[in-house]
Amino acid sequence: MHNLNIQLSEPAFAEAKRVATAAGLSVEEIISAEAEALFDFSGEVADSFFTPAILAEIDDARAEAKLGGGLTLDEVRQESTLARQDQER
């Protein structure tokens, strides 16, 4: 384990604090999890990919879907098609 001292801009810190609070973590924990996910990815879907922030987004999407929110199947297909077209450019 290595300790680092980093500096964040005010907007970056505010966003990190928002995400950390939503996930029930400290800013240090969320930054550490994000850095681990970024630099320790082996090419497979590893546990480190599912950071607290990612898991919180998944939970939010699941809750919204249960309430009937989100996209229809046709909208998902359309968004997927547009995303693939963007990647091809």
Protein backbone atom coordinates (compact mmCIF):
# COMPACT_ATOMS: atom_id res chain seq x y z
CA MET A 1 0.00 0.00 0.00
CA HIS A 2 1.27 3.48 -0.86
CA ASN A 3 0.10 6.79 0.54
CA LEU A 4 -0.24 9.68 -1.91
CA ASN A 5 -0.97 13.32 -1.38
CA ILE A 6 -3.09 14.67 -4.24
CA GLN A 7 -4.68 18.00 -4.98
CA LEU A 8 -8.15 18.34 -6.48
CA SER A 9 -9.81 21.38 -7.94
CA GLU A 10 -12.85 22.64 -6.04
CA PRO A 11 -15.29 21.24 -8.64
CA ALA A 12 -13.56 17.84 -8.63
CA PHE A 13 -13.54 17.72 -4.82
CA ALA A 14 -17.20 18.71 -4.67
CA GLU A 15 -18.13 15.93 -7.11
CA ALA A 16 -15.99 13.39 -5.24
CA LYS A 17 -17.67 14.43 -1.99
CA ARG A 18 -21.15 14.10 -3.56
CA VAL A 19 -20.39 10.63 -4.92
CA ALA A 20 -18.73 9.52 -1.69
CA THR A 21 -21.64 10.73 0.42
CA ALA A 22 -24.13 8.92 -1.82
CA ALA A 23 -22.10 5.72 -1.46
CA GLY A 24 -21.61 6.13 2.30
CA LEU A 25 -17.86 6.57 1.97
CA SER A 26 -15.25 9.22 2.64
CA VAL A 27 -13.72 11.25 -0.19
CA GLU A 28 -10.43 9.41 0.39
CA GLU A 29 -12.16 6.03 0.04
CA ILE A 30 -13.95 6.98 -3.18
CA ILE A 31 -10.78 8.46 -4.75
CA SER A 32 -8.82 5.35 -3.74
CA ALA A 33 -11.48 3.02 -5.17
CA GLU A 34 -11.59 4.96 -8.43
CA ALA A 35 -7.78 4.95 -8.75
CA GLU A 36 -7.63 1.22 -7.99
CA ALA A 37 -10.28 0.55 -10.62
CA LEU A 38 -8.42 2.68 -13.16
CA PHE A 39 -4.91 1.30 -12.67
CA ASP A 40 -5.45 -2.22 -11.34
CA PHE A 41 -7.75 -3.52 -14.06
CA SER A 42 -6.51 -6.81 -15.49
CA GLY A 43 -8.71 -6.83 -18.59
CA GLU A 44 -11.34 -9.04 -17.00
CA VAL A 45 -14.35 -7.81 -15.08
CA ALA A 46 -12.69 -7.67 -11.69
CA ASP A 47 -14.21 -6.86 -8.32
CA SER A 48 -12.18 -3.64 -8.36
CA PHE A 49 -14.27 -2.49 -11.34
CA PHE A 50 -17.38 -2.45 -9.19
CA THR A 51 -16.46 0.54 -7.07
CA PRO A 52 -18.91 1.87 -4.50
CA ALA A 53 -19.83 4.61 -6.97
CA ILE A 54 -20.61 2.10 -9.72
CA LEU A 55 -22.62 -0.06 -7.33
CA ALA A 56 -24.57 3.01 -6.19
CA GLU A 57 -25.40 3.84 -9.83
CA ILE A 58 -26.57 0.26 -10.41
CA ASP A 59 -28.73 0.37 -7.28
CA ASP A 60 -30.23 3.72 -8.34
CA ALA A 61 -31.02 2.38 -11.83
CA ARG A 62 -32.59 -0.75 -10.35
CA ALA A 63 -34.79 1.30 -8.01
CA GLU A 64 -35.85 3.59 -10.87
CA ALA A 65 -36.68 0.60 -13.06
CA LYS A 66 -38.82 -0.90 -10.31
CA LEU A 67 -40.78 2.35 -10.18
CA GLY A 68 -41.38 2.17 -13.91
CA GLY A 69 -38.81 4.80 -14.78
CA GLY A 70 -36.04 4.51 -17.28
CA LEU A 71 -36.10 3.52 -20.91
CA THR A 72 -38.36 1.24 -22.90
CA LEU A 73 -36.82 -1.71 -24.73
CA ASP A 74 -37.08 0.20 -28.02
CA GLU A 75 -35.31 3.20 -26.46
CA VAL A 76 -32.53 0.95 -25.18
CA ARG A 77 -32.07 -0.52 -28.65
CA GLN A 78 -31.98 2.96 -30.18
CA GLU A 79 -29.43 4.19 -27.61
CA SER A 80 -27.28 1.09 -28.19
CA THR A 81 -27.35 1.65 -31.94
CA LEU A 82 -26.34 5.29 -31.52
CA ALA A 83 -23.54 4.35 -29.11
CA ARG A 84 -22.15 1.76 -31.55
CA GLN A 85 -22.27 4.32 -34.37
CA ASP A 86 -20.39 6.83 -32.21
CA GLN A 87 -17.70 4.25 -31.42
CA GLU A 88 -17.24 3.48 -35.10
CA ARG A 89 -16.47 7.12 -35.88
